[in-house]
Amino acid sequence: MKDLNGLTHSKIIKLLTPYLTVYPACKLEASGLMLYARALQDVPLDELDAAMVRLMRTSKFFPTVAEILEAVKTTREVIGGKDTGGAGAAWHEAMELVKNVGPYRTWTYSSPAVERAIKQFGKMELCELETTAVNTARAQFMRIYNAEADRERQREDVRATLKALPGNRAMDLVKRLVANKAMEPKKLRAAE
């Protein structure tokens, strides 16, 4: 059976089969792999392989189709640049910047996650905090930072996954996804 992208279910099954050996408790059989292939038929093989390598590093059990698709999505987001110390240290850094640098000079950040958290919370909002609002603001900022730090960890996972892919597969995947991203605005304009 062939899907719209020209991938056969047998190629997906062939790609997934070796991963079963990493999960000895997995009881998935040929019929189960056929269902996986059917659900994953629109995922290019290189993206599927990258997702499986990443999941193999983090999952104790053979991943579900949903977990594989989520890993594929994360890989695409990290490569496509669509990503929108601990939280306490990040809050302390932000307050030190407010105190020592102020709102009008350029701030230098210890990490991209801190920078994104400050930008998302608002530099001027941090600088204009009322004393009575500090505890609430700290909790909000720390939630924002934790989300940004989690995204940064996902980016690192994808980078590690790409490094683990054999040969030029990682570069081919990146090139193809970047090319697809570059084509998106053209598709939108053509539809208008």
C-alpha atoms as a PDB file:
ATOM      1  CA  MET A   1       0.000   0.000   0.000  1.00  0.00           C
ATOM      2  CA  LYS A   2       1.382   3.400  -0.988  1.00  0.00           C
ATOM      3  CA  ASP A   3       0.498   6.746   0.559  1.00  0.00           C
ATOM      4  CA  LEU A   4       0.408  10.202  -1.037  1.00  0.00           C
ATOM      5  CA  ASN A   5       4.086  10.909  -0.241  1.00  0.00           C
ATOM      6  CA  GLY A   6       5.260   7.786  -2.034  1.00  0.00           C
ATOM      7  CA  LEU A   7       6.349   5.992   1.124  1.00  0.00           C
ATOM      8  CA  THR A   8       5.281   2.416   1.471  1.00  0.00           C
ATOM      9  CA  HIS A   9       3.992   0.962   4.667  1.00  0.00           C
ATOM     10  CA  SER A  10       6.650  -1.731   4.363  1.00  0.00           C
ATOM     11  CA  LYS A  11       9.410   0.903   4.523  1.00  0.00           C
ATOM     12  CA  ILE A  12       7.942   2.305   7.729  1.00  0.00           C
ATOM     13  CA  ILE A  13       7.658  -1.189   9.225  1.00  0.00           C
ATOM     14  CA  LYS A  14      11.252  -1.892   8.180  1.00  0.00           C
ATOM     15  CA  LEU A  15      12.371   1.339   9.887  1.00  0.00           C
ATOM     16  CA  LEU A  16      10.454   0.655  13.119  1.00  0.00           C
ATOM     17  CA  THR A  17      11.294  -3.038  13.497  1.00  0.00           C
ATOM     18  CA  PRO A  18      14.880  -2.621  14.806  1.00  0.00           C
ATOM     19  CA  TYR A  19      13.637  -0.247  17.511  1.00  0.00           C
ATOM     20  CA  LEU A  20      11.586  -3.097  18.984  1.00  0.00           C
ATOM     21  CA  THR A  21      14.836  -4.720  20.143  1.00  0.00           C
ATOM     22  CA  VAL A  22      15.554  -1.713  22.375  1.00  0.00           C
ATOM     23  CA  TYR A  23      12.291  -2.372  24.210  1.00  0.00           C
ATOM     24  CA  PRO A  24      12.381  -6.084  25.142  1.00  0.00           C
ATOM     25  CA  ALA A  25       9.093  -5.883  27.071  1.00  0.00           C
ATOM     26  CA  CYS A  26       7.238  -4.640  23.982  1.00  0.00           C
ATOM     27  CA  LYS A  27       4.651  -7.104  22.758  1.00  0.00           C
ATOM     28  CA  LEU A  28       3.930  -5.287  19.499  1.00  0.00           C
ATOM     29  CA  GLU A  29       3.505  -7.721  16.604  1.00  0.00           C
ATOM     30  CA  ALA A  30       3.414  -7.393  12.844  1.00  0.00           C
ATOM     31  CA  SER A  31      -0.242  -6.347  12.842  1.00  0.00           C
ATOM     32  CA  GLY A  32       0.544  -3.628  15.366  1.00  0.00           C
ATOM     33  CA  LEU A  33       3.407  -2.354  13.246  1.00  0.00           C
ATOM     34  CA  MET A  34       1.052  -2.258  10.261  1.00  0.00           C
ATOM     35  CA  LEU A  35      -1.245   0.035  12.244  1.00  0.00           C
ATOM     36  CA  TYR A  36       1.723   2.211  13.216  1.00  0.00           C
ATOM     37  CA  ALA A  37       2.705   2.410   9.536  1.00  0.00           C
ATOM     38  CA  ARG A  38      -0.816   3.413   8.583  1.00  0.00           C
ATOM     39  CA  ALA A  39      -0.922   6.148  11.225  1.00  0.00           C
ATOM     40  CA  LEU A  40       2.569   7.392  10.361  1.00  0.00           C
ATOM     41  CA  GLN A  41       2.341   7.165   6.580  1.00  0.00           C
ATOM     42  CA  ASP A  42       2.457  10.935   6.128  1.00  0.00           C
ATOM     43  CA  VAL A  43       5.698  11.272   8.118  1.00  0.00           C
ATOM     44  CA  PRO A  44       8.843  11.197   5.964  1.00  0.00           C
ATOM     45  CA  LEU A  45      11.210   8.375   6.905  1.00  0.00           C
ATOM     46  CA  ASP A  46      14.044  10.672   7.972  1.00  0.00           C
ATOM     47  CA  GLU A  47      11.750  12.542  10.374  1.00  0.00           C
ATOM     48  CA  LEU A  48      10.363   9.266  11.702  1.00  0.00           C
ATOM     49  CA  ASP A  49      13.877   7.935  12.275  1.00  0.00           C
ATOM     50  CA  ALA A  50      14.931  11.146  14.053  1.00  0.00           C
ATOM     51  CA  ALA A  51      11.845  10.952  16.283  1.00  0.00           C
ATOM     52  CA  MET A  52      12.557   7.326  17.156  1.00  0.00           C
ATOM     53  CA  VAL A  53      16.201   8.066  18.015  1.00  0.00           C
ATOM     54  CA  ARG A  54      15.070  10.910  20.261  1.00  0.00           C
ATOM     55  CA  LEU A  55      12.371   8.804  21.935  1.00  0.00           C
ATOM     56  CA  MET A  56      14.779   5.922  22.412  1.00  0.00           C
ATOM     57  CA  ARG A  57      16.853   8.307  24.534  1.00  0.00           C
ATOM     58  CA  THR A  58      13.911   9.309  26.744  1.00  0.00           C
ATOM     59  CA  SER A  59      11.254   6.557  26.723  1.00  0.00           C
ATOM     60  CA  LYS A  60      11.328   3.419  28.829  1.00  0.00           C
ATOM     61  CA  PHE A  61       8.618   1.802  26.705  1.00  0.00           C
ATOM     62  CA  PHE A  62       8.044   1.562  22.961  1.00  0.00           C
ATOM     63  CA  PRO A  63       6.447   4.889  22.076  1.00  0.00           C
ATOM     64  CA  THR A  64       2.846   5.270  21.034  1.00  0.00           C
ATOM     65  CA  VAL A  65       1.944   6.799  17.698  1.00  0.00           C
ATOM     66  CA  ALA A  66       0.988   9.987  19.559  1.00  0.00           C
ATOM     67  CA  GLU A  67       4.408  10.152  21.217  1.00  0.00           C
ATOM     68  CA  ILE A  68       6.142   9.628  17.877  1.00  0.00           C
ATOM     69  CA  LEU A  69       4.051  12.341  16.224  1.00  0.00           C
ATOM     70  CA  GLU A  70       4.768  14.712  19.122  1.00  0.00           C
ATOM     71  CA  ALA A  71       8.504  14.053  18.726  1.00  0.00           C
ATOM     72  CA  VAL A  72       8.233  14.711  14.986  1.00  0.00           C
ATOM     73  CA  LYS A  73       6.376  17.950  15.712  1.00  0.00           C
ATOM     74  CA  THR A  74       8.995  19.076  18.219  1.00  0.00           C
ATOM     75  CA  THR A  75      11.795  18.320  15.765  1.00  0.00           C
ATOM     76  CA  ARG A  76      10.057  20.354  13.080  1.00  0.00           C
ATOM     77  CA  GLU A  77       9.474  23.256  15.462  1.00  0.00           C
ATOM     78  CA  VAL A  78      13.052  23.336  16.710  1.00  0.00           C
ATOM     79  CA  ILE A  79      14.563  23.090  13.239  1.00  0.00           C
ATOM     80  CA  GLY A  80      12.047  25.569  11.867  1.00  0.00           C
ATOM     81  CA  GLY A  81      12.734  28.065  14.662  1.00  0.00           C
ATOM     82  CA  LYS A  82       9.088  28.170  15.776  1.00  0.00           C
ATOM     83  CA  ASP A  83       9.713  28.197  19.380  1.00  0.00           C
ATOM     84  CA  THR A  84       8.044  30.870  21.044  1.00  0.00           C
ATOM     85  CA  GLY A  85      20.110  27.883  36.126  1.00  0.00           C
ATOM     86  CA  GLY A  86      16.566  27.408  37.534  1.00  0.00           C
ATOM     87  CA  ALA A  87      13.613  29.746  37.731  1.00  0.00           C
ATOM     88  CA  GLY A  88      14.755  31.296  40.997  1.00  0.00           C
ATOM     89  CA  ALA A  89      18.152  32.164  39.531  1.00  0.00           C
ATOM     90  CA  ALA A  90      16.458  33.592  36.423  1.00  0.00           C
ATOM     91  CA  TRP A  91      14.235  35.800  38.619  1.00  0.00           C
ATOM     92  CA  HIS A  92      17.288  36.966  40.560  1.00  0.00           C
ATOM     93  CA  GLU A  93      19.079  37.767  37.291  1.00  0.00           C
ATOM     94  CA  ALA A  94      16.101  39.778  36.071  1.00  0.00           C
ATOM     95  CA  MET A  95      15.932  41.757  39.328  1.00  0.00           C
ATOM     96  CA  GLU A  96      19.692  42.418  39.199  1.00  0.00           C
ATOM     97  CA  LEU A  97      19.306  43.749  35.656  1.00  0.00           C
ATOM     98  CA  VAL A  98      16.461  46.018  36.786  1.00  0.00           C
ATOM     99  CA  LYS A  99      18.537  47.292  39.712  1.00  0.00           C
ATOM    100  CA  ASN A 100      21.974  47.610  38.058  1.00  0.00           C
ATOM    101  CA  VAL A 101      21.244  48.292  34.385  1.00  0.00           C
ATOM    102  CA  GLY A 102      17.802  49.858  34.335  1.00  0.00           C
ATOM    103  CA  PRO A 103      15.221  49.978  31.588  1.00  0.00           C
ATOM    104  CA  TYR A 104      17.076  52.065  28.993  1.00  0.00           C
ATOM    105  CA  ARG A 105      20.466  50.409  28.645  1.00  0.00           C
ATOM    106  CA  THR A 106      21.102  47.109  26.858  1.00  0.00           C
ATOM    107  CA  TRP A 107      20.641  43.995  28.966  1.00  0.00           C
ATOM    108  CA  THR A 108      22.955  41.003  28.641  1.00  0.00           C
ATOM    109  CA  TYR A 109      21.411  37.632  29.501  1.00  0.00           C
ATOM    110  CA  SER A 110      22.979  34.451  30.843  1.00  0.00           C
ATOM    111  CA  SER A 111      20.900  32.236  28.543  1.00  0.00           C
ATOM    112  CA  PRO A 112      18.364  32.369  25.718  1.00  0.00           C
ATOM    113  CA  ALA A 113      15.677  31.060  28.123  1.00  0.00           C
ATOM    114  CA  VAL A 114      16.230  33.999  30.501  1.00  0.00           C
ATOM    115  CA  GLU A 115      16.139  36.445  27.606  1.00  0.00           C
ATOM    116  CA  ARG A 116      12.894  35.015  26.223  1.00  0.00           C
ATOM    117  CA  ALA A 117      11.289  34.939  29.682  1.00  0.00           C
ATOM    118  CA  ILE A 118      12.175  38.597  30.285  1.00  0.00           C
ATOM    119  CA  LYS A 119      10.911  39.620  26.854  1.00  0.00           C
ATOM    120  CA  GLN A 120       7.704  37.647  27.329  1.00  0.00           C
ATOM    121  CA  PHE A 121       7.075  39.067  30.795  1.00  0.00           C
ATOM    122  CA  GLY A 122       8.071  42.560  29.674  1.00  0.00           C
ATOM    123  CA  LYS A 123      11.232  44.488  30.473  1.00  0.00           C
ATOM    124  CA  MET A 124       9.369  47.652  31.415  1.00  0.00           C
ATOM    125  CA  GLU A 125       6.879  45.675  33.497  1.00  0.00           C
ATOM    126  CA  LEU A 126       9.786  44.269  35.512  1.00  0.00           C
ATOM    127  CA  CYS A 127      11.289  47.732  35.921  1.00  0.00           C
ATOM    128  CA  GLU A 128       7.997  49.279  37.069  1.00  0.00           C
ATOM    129  CA  LEU A 129       6.981  46.581  39.564  1.00  0.00           C
ATOM    130  CA  GLU A 130       5.271  47.842  42.691  1.00  0.00           C
ATOM    131  CA  THR A 131       6.558  46.365  45.950  1.00  0.00           C
ATOM    132  CA  THR A 132       3.136  44.872  46.655  1.00  0.00           C
ATOM    133  CA  ALA A 133       3.143  43.023  43.309  1.00  0.00           C
ATOM    134  CA  VAL A 134       6.594  41.404  43.550  1.00  0.00           C
ATOM    135  CA  ASN A 135       5.460  38.003  44.870  1.00  0.00           C
ATOM    136  CA  THR A 136       2.795  37.593  42.186  1.00  0.00           C
ATOM    137  CA  ALA A 137       5.168  38.822  39.479  1.00  0.00           C
ATOM    138  CA  ARG A 138       7.889  36.415  40.650  1.00  0.00           C
ATOM    139  CA  ALA A 139       5.482  33.460  40.408  1.00  0.00           C
ATOM    140  CA  GLN A 140       4.354  34.516  36.923  1.00  0.00           C
ATOM    141  CA  PHE A 141       7.921  35.102  35.750  1.00  0.00           C
ATOM    142  CA  MET A 142       9.060  31.734  37.094  1.00  0.00           C
ATOM    143  CA  ARG A 143       6.237  29.938  35.239  1.00  0.00           C
ATOM    144  CA  ILE A 144       7.253  31.716  32.032  1.00  0.00           C
ATOM    145  CA  TYR A 145      10.912  30.874  32.588  1.00  0.00           C
ATOM    146  CA  ASN A 146      10.171  27.196  33.294  1.00  0.00           C
ATOM    147  CA  ALA A 147       8.236  26.942  30.033  1.00  0.00           C
ATOM    148  CA  GLU A 148      11.105  28.590  28.147  1.00  0.00           C
ATOM    149  CA  ALA A 149      13.694  26.366  29.826  1.00  0.00           C
ATOM    150  CA  ASP A 150      11.621  23.308  28.864  1.00  0.00           C
ATOM    151  CA  ARG A 151      11.568  24.488  25.239  1.00  0.00           C
ATOM    152  CA  GLU A 152      15.336  24.945  25.392  1.00  0.00           C
ATOM    153  CA  ARG A 153      15.719  21.361  26.690  1.00  0.00           C
ATOM    154  CA  GLN A 154      13.587  20.142  23.790  1.00  0.00           C
ATOM    155  CA  ARG A 155      15.834  22.026  21.365  1.00  0.00           C
ATOM    156  CA  GLU A 156      18.864  20.363  22.924  1.00  0.00           C
ATOM    157  CA  ASP A 157      17.178  16.948  22.619  1.00  0.00           C
ATOM    158  CA  VAL A 158      16.555  17.557  18.928  1.00  0.00           C
ATOM    159  CA  ARG A 159      20.155  18.695  18.379  1.00  0.00           C
ATOM    160  CA  ALA A 160      21.391  15.539  20.107  1.00  0.00           C
ATOM    161  CA  THR A 161      19.035  13.443  18.010  1.00  0.00           C
ATOM    162  CA  LEU A 162      20.315  15.037  14.812  1.00  0.00           C
ATOM    163  CA  LYS A 163      23.896  14.308  15.859  1.00  0.00           C
ATOM    164  CA  ALA A 164      22.942  10.667  16.438  1.00  0.00           C
ATOM    165  CA  LEU A 165      21.591  10.176  12.920  1.00  0.00           C
ATOM    166  CA  PRO A 166      23.957   8.359  10.556  1.00  0.00           C
ATOM    167  CA  GLY A 167      25.818  10.014   7.711  1.00  0.00           C
ATOM    168  CA  ASN A 168      24.225  12.966   5.999  1.00  0.00           C
ATOM    169  CA  ARG A 169      20.710  12.091   7.184  1.00  0.00           C
ATOM    170  CA  ALA A 170      20.637  14.929   9.722  1.00  0.00           C
ATOM    171  CA  MET A 171      21.792  17.515   7.182  1.00  0.00           C
ATOM    172  CA  ASP A 172      19.330  16.210   4.574  1.00  0.00           C
ATOM    173  CA  LEU A 173      16.509  16.441   7.126  1.00  0.00           C
ATOM    174  CA  VAL A 174      17.431  19.995   8.124  1.00  0.00           C
ATOM    175  CA  LYS A 175      17.758  21.120   4.500  1.00  0.00           C
ATOM    176  CA  ARG A 176      14.400  19.622   3.558  1.00  0.00           C
ATOM    177  CA  LEU A 177      12.566  21.102   6.553  1.00  0.00           C
ATOM    178  CA  VAL A 178      14.150  24.527   6.000  1.00  0.00           C
ATOM    179  CA  ALA A 179      13.197  24.356   2.314  1.00  0.00           C
ATOM    180  CA  ASN A 180       9.616  23.408   3.245  1.00  0.00           C
ATOM    181  CA  LYS A 181       9.446  26.342   5.657  1.00  0.00           C
ATOM    182  CA  ALA A 182      10.723  28.696   2.959  1.00  0.00           C
ATOM    183  CA  MET A 183       7.961  27.507   0.630  1.00  0.00           C
ATOM    184  CA  GLU A 184       5.103  28.083   3.127  1.00  0.00           C
ATOM    185  CA  PRO A 185       4.528  31.800   2.385  1.00  0.00           C
ATOM    186  CA  LYS A 186       4.423  31.029  -1.337  1.00  0.00           C
ATOM    187  CA  LYS A 187       1.699  28.448  -0.716  1.00  0.00           C
ATOM    188  CA  LEU A 188      -0.294  30.967   1.303  1.00  0.00           C
ATOM    189  CA  ARG A 189       0.004  33.651  -1.387  1.00  0.00           C
ATOM    190  CA  ALA A 190      -1.028  31.191  -4.074  1.00  0.00           C
ATOM    191  CA  ALA A 191      -4.142  30.277  -2.066  1.00  0.00           C
ATOM    192  CA  GLU A 192      -5.235  33.906  -1.724  1.00  0.00           C
END
